[in-house]
N, C-alpha and C. Protein backbone atom coordinates (compact mmCIF):
# COMPACT_ATOMS: atom_id res chain seq x y z
N MET A 1 1.93 -7.88 46.31
CA MET A 1 1.24 -8.82 45.44
C MET A 1 0.17 -8.09 44.64
N GLY A 2 0.11 -8.34 43.35
CA GLY A 2 -0.84 -7.69 42.47
C GLY A 2 -2.16 -8.44 42.38
N VAL A 3 -3.07 -7.87 41.65
CA VAL A 3 -4.39 -8.46 41.42
C VAL A 3 -4.28 -9.57 40.37
N PHE A 4 -3.33 -9.42 39.44
CA PHE A 4 -3.19 -10.33 38.31
C PHE A 4 -2.08 -11.34 38.55
N SER A 5 -2.08 -12.39 37.74
CA SER A 5 -0.97 -13.35 37.77
C SER A 5 0.30 -12.63 37.32
N LYS A 6 1.45 -13.16 37.67
CA LYS A 6 2.73 -12.57 37.27
C LYS A 6 2.78 -12.49 35.74
N THR A 7 2.32 -13.52 35.06
CA THR A 7 2.30 -13.55 33.60
C THR A 7 1.47 -12.38 33.06
N CYS A 8 0.31 -12.15 33.65
CA CYS A 8 -0.57 -11.08 33.20
C CYS A 8 0.04 -9.70 33.51
N GLU A 9 0.70 -9.58 34.64
CA GLU A 9 1.38 -8.31 34.97
C GLU A 9 2.41 -7.98 33.89
N TYR A 10 3.24 -8.96 33.53
CA TYR A 10 4.24 -8.75 32.48
C TYR A 10 3.58 -8.43 31.15
N ALA A 11 2.48 -9.09 30.85
CA ALA A 11 1.77 -8.86 29.58
C ALA A 11 1.27 -7.42 29.50
N ILE A 12 0.66 -6.93 30.57
CA ILE A 12 0.14 -5.56 30.57
C ILE A 12 1.29 -4.57 30.43
N ARG A 13 2.36 -4.79 31.19
CA ARG A 13 3.52 -3.88 31.10
C ARG A 13 4.13 -3.91 29.71
N ALA A 14 4.24 -5.10 29.11
CA ALA A 14 4.81 -5.23 27.77
C ALA A 14 3.94 -4.49 26.74
N VAL A 15 2.63 -4.66 26.83
CA VAL A 15 1.74 -4.00 25.88
C VAL A 15 1.81 -2.49 26.04
N PHE A 16 1.84 -2.00 27.25
CA PHE A 16 1.99 -0.56 27.47
C PHE A 16 3.31 -0.05 26.86
N TYR A 17 4.39 -0.82 27.07
CA TYR A 17 5.68 -0.41 26.53
C TYR A 17 5.66 -0.43 25.00
N ILE A 18 5.14 -1.49 24.41
CA ILE A 18 5.07 -1.60 22.95
C ILE A 18 4.20 -0.48 22.38
N SER A 19 3.11 -0.17 23.04
CA SER A 19 2.23 0.90 22.60
C SER A 19 2.97 2.24 22.62
N GLN A 20 3.69 2.49 23.70
CA GLN A 20 4.46 3.73 23.81
C GLN A 20 5.48 3.83 22.67
N ARG A 21 6.23 2.76 22.42
CA ARG A 21 7.26 2.76 21.37
C ARG A 21 6.61 2.89 19.99
N THR A 22 5.46 2.25 19.78
CA THR A 22 4.76 2.38 18.51
C THR A 22 4.33 3.82 18.31
N HIS A 23 3.82 4.43 19.36
CA HIS A 23 3.40 5.84 19.32
C HIS A 23 4.58 6.74 18.94
N GLU A 24 5.79 6.35 19.38
CA GLU A 24 6.99 7.13 19.06
C GLU A 24 7.53 6.81 17.66
N GLY A 25 6.91 5.81 16.98
CA GLY A 25 7.30 5.47 15.62
C GLY A 25 8.27 4.31 15.49
N TYR A 26 8.39 3.48 16.53
CA TYR A 26 9.35 2.38 16.52
C TYR A 26 8.68 1.02 16.69
N LYS A 27 9.33 0.00 16.14
CA LYS A 27 9.05 -1.39 16.49
C LYS A 27 10.11 -1.76 17.51
N THR A 28 9.81 -2.66 18.41
CA THR A 28 10.76 -2.95 19.48
C THR A 28 10.97 -4.46 19.65
N GLY A 29 12.20 -4.85 19.97
CA GLY A 29 12.54 -6.25 20.13
C GLY A 29 12.36 -6.74 21.56
N ILE A 30 12.43 -8.05 21.73
CA ILE A 30 12.21 -8.66 23.04
C ILE A 30 13.24 -8.17 24.07
N LYS A 31 14.51 -8.08 23.68
CA LYS A 31 15.55 -7.63 24.63
C LYS A 31 15.21 -6.25 25.20
N GLU A 32 14.82 -5.35 24.32
CA GLU A 32 14.48 -3.99 24.75
C GLU A 32 13.26 -3.99 25.67
N ILE A 33 12.24 -4.74 25.28
CA ILE A 33 11.02 -4.79 26.09
C ILE A 33 11.35 -5.37 27.47
N ALA A 34 12.03 -6.51 27.49
CA ALA A 34 12.38 -7.17 28.76
C ALA A 34 13.15 -6.24 29.67
N SER A 35 14.11 -5.53 29.11
CA SER A 35 14.93 -4.62 29.90
C SER A 35 14.10 -3.48 30.49
N ASN A 36 13.15 -2.98 29.71
CA ASN A 36 12.37 -1.82 30.15
C ASN A 36 11.17 -2.14 31.02
N ILE A 37 10.78 -3.41 31.08
CA ILE A 37 9.67 -3.76 31.98
C ILE A 37 10.13 -4.71 33.08
N ASP A 38 11.45 -4.95 33.15
CA ASP A 38 12.04 -5.79 34.19
C ASP A 38 11.46 -7.21 34.16
N SER A 39 11.55 -7.84 32.98
CA SER A 39 10.99 -9.18 32.78
C SER A 39 12.06 -10.12 32.24
N PRO A 40 12.04 -11.39 32.64
CA PRO A 40 12.95 -12.37 32.04
C PRO A 40 12.58 -12.58 30.56
N GLU A 41 13.58 -12.55 29.67
CA GLU A 41 13.34 -12.67 28.23
C GLU A 41 12.58 -13.93 27.80
N PRO A 42 13.00 -15.13 28.23
CA PRO A 42 12.30 -16.34 27.75
C PRO A 42 10.82 -16.36 28.14
N PHE A 43 10.54 -15.89 29.35
CA PHE A 43 9.17 -15.81 29.84
C PHE A 43 8.39 -14.81 29.00
N LEU A 44 9.00 -13.68 28.72
CA LEU A 44 8.36 -12.63 27.93
C LEU A 44 8.07 -13.11 26.51
N ALA A 45 8.97 -13.90 25.92
CA ALA A 45 8.77 -14.41 24.56
C ALA A 45 7.48 -15.21 24.47
N LYS A 46 7.23 -16.05 25.48
CA LYS A 46 6.00 -16.86 25.50
C LYS A 46 4.76 -15.97 25.64
N ILE A 47 4.87 -14.95 26.46
CA ILE A 47 3.76 -14.02 26.67
C ILE A 47 3.44 -13.29 25.36
N LEU A 48 4.49 -12.80 24.69
CA LEU A 48 4.29 -12.06 23.45
C LEU A 48 3.69 -12.95 22.36
N GLN A 49 4.04 -14.23 22.37
CA GLN A 49 3.43 -15.18 21.42
C GLN A 49 1.92 -15.24 21.63
N LYS A 50 1.51 -15.35 22.89
CA LYS A 50 0.08 -15.40 23.20
C LYS A 50 -0.62 -14.11 22.78
N LEU A 51 0.02 -12.98 23.06
CA LEU A 51 -0.56 -11.67 22.72
C LEU A 51 -0.67 -11.51 21.20
N ALA A 52 0.33 -12.00 20.48
CA ALA A 52 0.30 -11.91 19.01
C ALA A 52 -0.80 -12.81 18.46
N LYS A 53 -0.93 -14.00 19.02
CA LYS A 53 -1.98 -14.93 18.58
C LYS A 53 -3.37 -14.33 18.79
N ALA A 54 -3.52 -13.56 19.88
CA ALA A 54 -4.80 -12.91 20.18
C ALA A 54 -4.99 -11.62 19.38
N GLY A 55 -3.98 -11.23 18.58
CA GLY A 55 -4.08 -10.02 17.76
C GLY A 55 -3.90 -8.73 18.53
N ILE A 56 -3.39 -8.81 19.75
CA ILE A 56 -3.21 -7.61 20.57
C ILE A 56 -1.93 -6.88 20.18
N VAL A 57 -0.87 -7.64 19.90
CA VAL A 57 0.36 -7.06 19.36
C VAL A 57 0.64 -7.71 18.02
N GLN A 58 1.43 -7.03 17.20
CA GLN A 58 1.83 -7.57 15.91
C GLN A 58 3.35 -7.61 15.90
N SER A 59 3.91 -8.45 15.02
CA SER A 59 5.37 -8.49 14.92
C SER A 59 5.80 -8.63 13.47
N VAL A 60 7.00 -8.14 13.21
CA VAL A 60 7.62 -8.23 11.90
C VAL A 60 9.02 -8.76 12.13
N LYS A 61 9.42 -9.75 11.34
CA LYS A 61 10.77 -10.30 11.45
C LYS A 61 11.72 -9.48 10.59
N GLY A 62 13.02 -9.62 10.87
CA GLY A 62 14.03 -8.95 10.05
C GLY A 62 14.71 -7.82 10.77
N PRO A 63 15.67 -7.17 10.08
CA PRO A 63 16.50 -6.13 10.71
C PRO A 63 15.71 -4.92 11.23
N ASN A 64 14.63 -4.57 10.54
CA ASN A 64 13.80 -3.45 11.01
C ASN A 64 12.53 -3.95 11.68
N GLY A 65 12.59 -5.19 12.13
CA GLY A 65 11.41 -5.82 12.72
C GLY A 65 11.26 -5.54 14.19
N GLY A 66 10.32 -6.22 14.77
CA GLY A 66 10.03 -6.09 16.19
C GLY A 66 8.53 -6.10 16.42
N PHE A 67 8.17 -5.81 17.64
CA PHE A 67 6.76 -5.79 18.03
C PHE A 67 6.21 -4.38 17.93
N TYR A 68 4.93 -4.30 17.58
CA TYR A 68 4.25 -3.01 17.51
C TYR A 68 2.76 -3.26 17.72
N ILE A 69 2.01 -2.17 17.84
CA ILE A 69 0.56 -2.25 18.00
C ILE A 69 -0.06 -1.58 16.78
N ASP A 70 -0.99 -2.26 16.12
CA ASP A 70 -1.63 -1.60 14.97
C ASP A 70 -2.66 -0.59 15.47
N ILE A 71 -3.01 0.33 14.59
CA ILE A 71 -3.88 1.44 14.95
C ILE A 71 -5.20 0.96 15.56
N ALA A 72 -5.76 -0.10 15.02
CA ALA A 72 -7.05 -0.61 15.52
C ALA A 72 -6.92 -1.12 16.95
N SER A 73 -5.75 -1.60 17.34
CA SER A 73 -5.57 -2.17 18.68
C SER A 73 -5.29 -1.12 19.75
N PHE A 74 -4.93 0.09 19.37
CA PHE A 74 -4.67 1.14 20.36
C PHE A 74 -5.85 1.34 21.30
N ASP A 75 -7.05 1.22 20.75
CA ASP A 75 -8.26 1.48 21.55
C ASP A 75 -8.81 0.24 22.23
N ARG A 76 -8.16 -0.91 22.05
CA ARG A 76 -8.65 -2.13 22.71
C ARG A 76 -8.50 -1.97 24.22
N PRO A 77 -9.44 -2.53 24.98
CA PRO A 77 -9.38 -2.41 26.44
C PRO A 77 -8.37 -3.38 27.05
N LEU A 78 -7.88 -3.04 28.24
CA LEU A 78 -6.97 -3.93 28.96
C LEU A 78 -7.61 -5.28 29.24
N SER A 79 -8.91 -5.32 29.32
CA SER A 79 -9.60 -6.59 29.57
C SER A 79 -9.25 -7.63 28.50
N ASP A 80 -8.95 -7.19 27.26
CA ASP A 80 -8.55 -8.11 26.20
C ASP A 80 -7.23 -8.80 26.53
N ILE A 81 -6.30 -8.05 27.13
CA ILE A 81 -5.00 -8.61 27.53
C ILE A 81 -5.21 -9.64 28.64
N VAL A 82 -5.97 -9.26 29.64
CA VAL A 82 -6.24 -10.14 30.78
C VAL A 82 -6.88 -11.45 30.31
N GLU A 83 -7.87 -11.34 29.44
CA GLU A 83 -8.54 -12.55 28.92
C GLU A 83 -7.59 -13.42 28.11
N ALA A 84 -6.73 -12.79 27.30
CA ALA A 84 -5.79 -13.55 26.46
C ALA A 84 -4.79 -14.33 27.33
N ILE A 85 -4.42 -13.78 28.47
CA ILE A 85 -3.39 -14.39 29.32
C ILE A 85 -3.99 -15.26 30.43
N ASP A 86 -4.94 -14.71 31.17
CA ASP A 86 -5.47 -15.41 32.36
C ASP A 86 -6.88 -15.95 32.19
N GLY A 87 -7.54 -15.63 31.08
CA GLY A 87 -8.93 -16.04 30.91
C GLY A 87 -9.86 -15.03 31.57
N ALA A 88 -11.14 -15.32 31.57
CA ALA A 88 -12.15 -14.38 32.06
C ALA A 88 -12.49 -14.57 33.54
N GLU A 89 -11.78 -15.42 34.23
CA GLU A 89 -12.08 -15.75 35.63
C GLU A 89 -12.12 -14.51 36.54
N ILE A 90 -11.23 -13.55 36.31
CA ILE A 90 -11.19 -12.36 37.17
C ILE A 90 -12.50 -11.58 37.11
N PHE A 91 -13.23 -11.70 36.01
CA PHE A 91 -14.48 -10.95 35.85
C PHE A 91 -15.67 -11.62 36.52
N THR A 92 -15.53 -12.90 36.85
CA THR A 92 -16.68 -13.63 37.39
C THR A 92 -16.34 -14.49 38.61
N GLY A 93 -15.06 -14.71 38.86
CA GLY A 93 -14.64 -15.70 39.85
C GLY A 93 -14.91 -15.34 41.30
N CYS A 94 -14.83 -16.35 42.11
CA CYS A 94 -15.00 -16.25 43.56
C CYS A 94 -13.66 -15.84 44.20
N ALA A 95 -13.72 -15.01 45.23
CA ALA A 95 -12.51 -14.57 45.94
C ALA A 95 -11.78 -15.74 46.58
N MET A 96 -12.51 -16.76 46.94
CA MET A 96 -11.93 -17.91 47.60
C MET A 96 -11.68 -19.07 46.64
N GLY A 97 -11.97 -18.84 45.35
CA GLY A 97 -11.73 -19.87 44.35
C GLY A 97 -12.73 -21.02 44.37
N LEU A 98 -13.89 -20.79 44.96
CA LEU A 98 -14.90 -21.85 45.07
C LEU A 98 -15.75 -21.91 43.82
N SER A 99 -15.98 -23.08 43.30
CA SER A 99 -16.75 -23.23 42.06
C SER A 99 -18.25 -23.06 42.28
N PHE A 100 -18.72 -23.27 43.50
CA PHE A 100 -20.17 -23.22 43.76
C PHE A 100 -20.66 -21.81 44.12
N CYS A 101 -19.74 -20.88 44.34
CA CYS A 101 -20.11 -19.54 44.81
C CYS A 101 -20.95 -18.81 43.77
N SER A 102 -22.08 -18.24 44.23
CA SER A 102 -22.97 -17.49 43.35
C SER A 102 -23.87 -16.60 44.20
N GLU A 103 -24.74 -15.85 43.56
CA GLU A 103 -25.69 -15.01 44.28
C GLU A 103 -26.59 -15.88 45.15
N VAL A 104 -26.96 -17.04 44.65
CA VAL A 104 -27.86 -17.95 45.35
C VAL A 104 -27.11 -18.72 46.45
N ASN A 105 -25.86 -19.03 46.22
CA ASN A 105 -25.07 -19.83 47.15
C ASN A 105 -23.73 -19.13 47.42
N PRO A 106 -23.75 -17.98 48.12
CA PRO A 106 -22.53 -17.17 48.27
C PRO A 106 -21.54 -17.72 49.31
N CYS A 107 -20.25 -17.50 49.02
CA CYS A 107 -19.22 -17.81 50.01
C CYS A 107 -19.19 -16.67 51.03
N PRO A 108 -18.44 -16.77 52.12
CA PRO A 108 -18.39 -15.70 53.13
C PRO A 108 -17.92 -14.34 52.59
N LEU A 109 -17.09 -14.33 51.54
CA LEU A 109 -16.56 -13.07 51.01
C LEU A 109 -17.33 -12.55 49.80
N HIS A 110 -18.34 -13.27 49.36
CA HIS A 110 -19.01 -13.00 48.10
C HIS A 110 -19.44 -11.54 47.92
N ASN A 111 -20.21 -11.01 48.83
CA ASN A 111 -20.78 -9.67 48.64
C ASN A 111 -19.72 -8.58 48.61
N ASP A 112 -18.76 -8.63 49.52
CA ASP A 112 -17.70 -7.61 49.53
C ASP A 112 -16.81 -7.75 48.31
N PHE A 113 -16.45 -8.99 47.96
CA PHE A 113 -15.55 -9.20 46.82
C PHE A 113 -16.22 -8.83 45.50
N LYS A 114 -17.52 -9.06 45.41
CA LYS A 114 -18.25 -8.74 44.18
C LYS A 114 -18.08 -7.26 43.84
N GLU A 115 -18.13 -6.40 44.85
CA GLU A 115 -17.94 -4.95 44.65
C GLU A 115 -16.55 -4.66 44.09
N VAL A 116 -15.53 -5.24 44.70
CA VAL A 116 -14.15 -5.04 44.28
C VAL A 116 -13.96 -5.57 42.86
N ARG A 117 -14.42 -6.78 42.62
CA ARG A 117 -14.30 -7.41 41.30
C ARG A 117 -14.98 -6.56 40.22
N ASN A 118 -16.16 -6.02 40.53
CA ASN A 118 -16.88 -5.21 39.55
C ASN A 118 -16.12 -3.92 39.23
N ARG A 119 -15.48 -3.33 40.24
CA ARG A 119 -14.69 -2.11 40.00
C ARG A 119 -13.46 -2.41 39.14
N ILE A 120 -12.80 -3.53 39.41
CA ILE A 120 -11.64 -3.93 38.61
C ILE A 120 -12.08 -4.21 37.18
N THR A 121 -13.18 -4.91 37.02
CA THR A 121 -13.71 -5.22 35.69
C THR A 121 -14.01 -3.94 34.92
N GLU A 122 -14.65 -3.00 35.58
CA GLU A 122 -14.98 -1.72 34.94
C GLU A 122 -13.70 -0.99 34.51
N MET A 123 -12.69 -0.96 35.37
CA MET A 123 -11.42 -0.30 35.04
C MET A 123 -10.75 -0.97 33.85
N LEU A 124 -10.75 -2.29 33.80
CA LEU A 124 -10.11 -3.02 32.70
C LEU A 124 -10.84 -2.81 31.38
N HIS A 125 -12.15 -2.63 31.43
CA HIS A 125 -12.92 -2.41 30.21
C HIS A 125 -12.84 -0.97 29.71
N ARG A 126 -12.62 -0.02 30.61
CA ARG A 126 -12.60 1.39 30.16
C ARG A 126 -11.19 1.93 29.92
N THR A 127 -10.16 1.20 30.31
CA THR A 127 -8.78 1.64 30.09
C THR A 127 -8.27 1.05 28.79
N SER A 128 -7.81 1.92 27.89
CA SER A 128 -7.33 1.44 26.59
C SER A 128 -5.82 1.18 26.62
N ILE A 129 -5.37 0.38 25.68
CA ILE A 129 -3.97 0.01 25.56
C ILE A 129 -3.07 1.25 25.43
N SER A 130 -3.50 2.23 24.66
CA SER A 130 -2.64 3.40 24.40
C SER A 130 -2.93 4.59 25.30
N GLN A 131 -3.78 4.41 26.29
CA GLN A 131 -4.23 5.53 27.12
C GLN A 131 -3.10 6.29 27.82
N PHE A 132 -2.01 5.60 28.15
CA PHE A 132 -0.95 6.23 28.94
C PHE A 132 0.31 6.53 28.12
N ASP A 133 0.23 6.42 26.78
CA ASP A 133 1.41 6.61 25.94
C ASP A 133 2.11 7.95 26.21
N GLU A 134 1.36 9.03 26.22
CA GLU A 134 1.96 10.36 26.40
C GLU A 134 2.70 10.47 27.73
N GLU A 135 2.07 10.01 28.82
CA GLU A 135 2.69 10.09 30.14
C GLU A 135 3.94 9.21 30.22
N LEU A 136 3.90 8.04 29.54
CA LEU A 136 5.06 7.15 29.52
C LEU A 136 6.20 7.80 28.73
N ILE A 137 5.87 8.40 27.60
CA ILE A 137 6.90 9.06 26.77
C ILE A 137 7.54 10.21 27.56
N ARG A 138 6.74 10.98 28.29
CA ARG A 138 7.28 12.11 29.07
C ARG A 138 7.96 11.67 30.36
N GLY A 139 7.88 10.37 30.69
CA GLY A 139 8.52 9.89 31.90
C GLY A 139 7.72 10.14 33.16
N GLN A 140 6.44 10.47 33.01
CA GLN A 140 5.59 10.73 34.18
C GLN A 140 5.08 9.44 34.80
N LEU A 141 5.12 8.35 34.04
CA LEU A 141 4.71 7.04 34.53
C LEU A 141 5.86 6.07 34.25
N SER A 142 5.90 4.97 35.00
CA SER A 142 6.99 4.00 34.86
C SER A 142 6.45 2.59 34.72
N LEU A 143 7.21 1.74 34.02
CA LEU A 143 6.81 0.34 33.83
C LEU A 143 7.76 -0.64 34.50
N ASN A 144 8.78 -0.14 35.18
CA ASN A 144 9.69 -1.04 35.88
C ASN A 144 10.00 -0.50 37.26
N LYS A 145 10.77 -1.29 38.01
CA LYS A 145 11.03 -0.93 39.40
C LYS A 145 11.88 0.31 39.54
């Protein structure tokens, strides 16, 4: 089980794949993306719509169309993807899902979870969309099972 929702996991993998293909000079279609990140196509289509609406990925229709990442978005942090798909809850939420949990009124897991949450937040803010393009192109990293 991952840290993110299944939808968010697919979104991050899709963006990494699209970034890699853009870096190689290609636009890519949903079938190709789904196949390479091990995602169901209809589910992925909805995810890509959300990502496009948030300006994280771009798309062009037609025979030479597909999804790509514009130059300005290469440096966007992964936190933008997470917020577009799951909202900002991961950056502030309680480990137990309690609405009253805070520094003043902590749940039993508050202090330990706060450390973990802060490290995840830091990683998502400092990792860019295109950071792993070279390793993905060389096959040193993988996006599917």
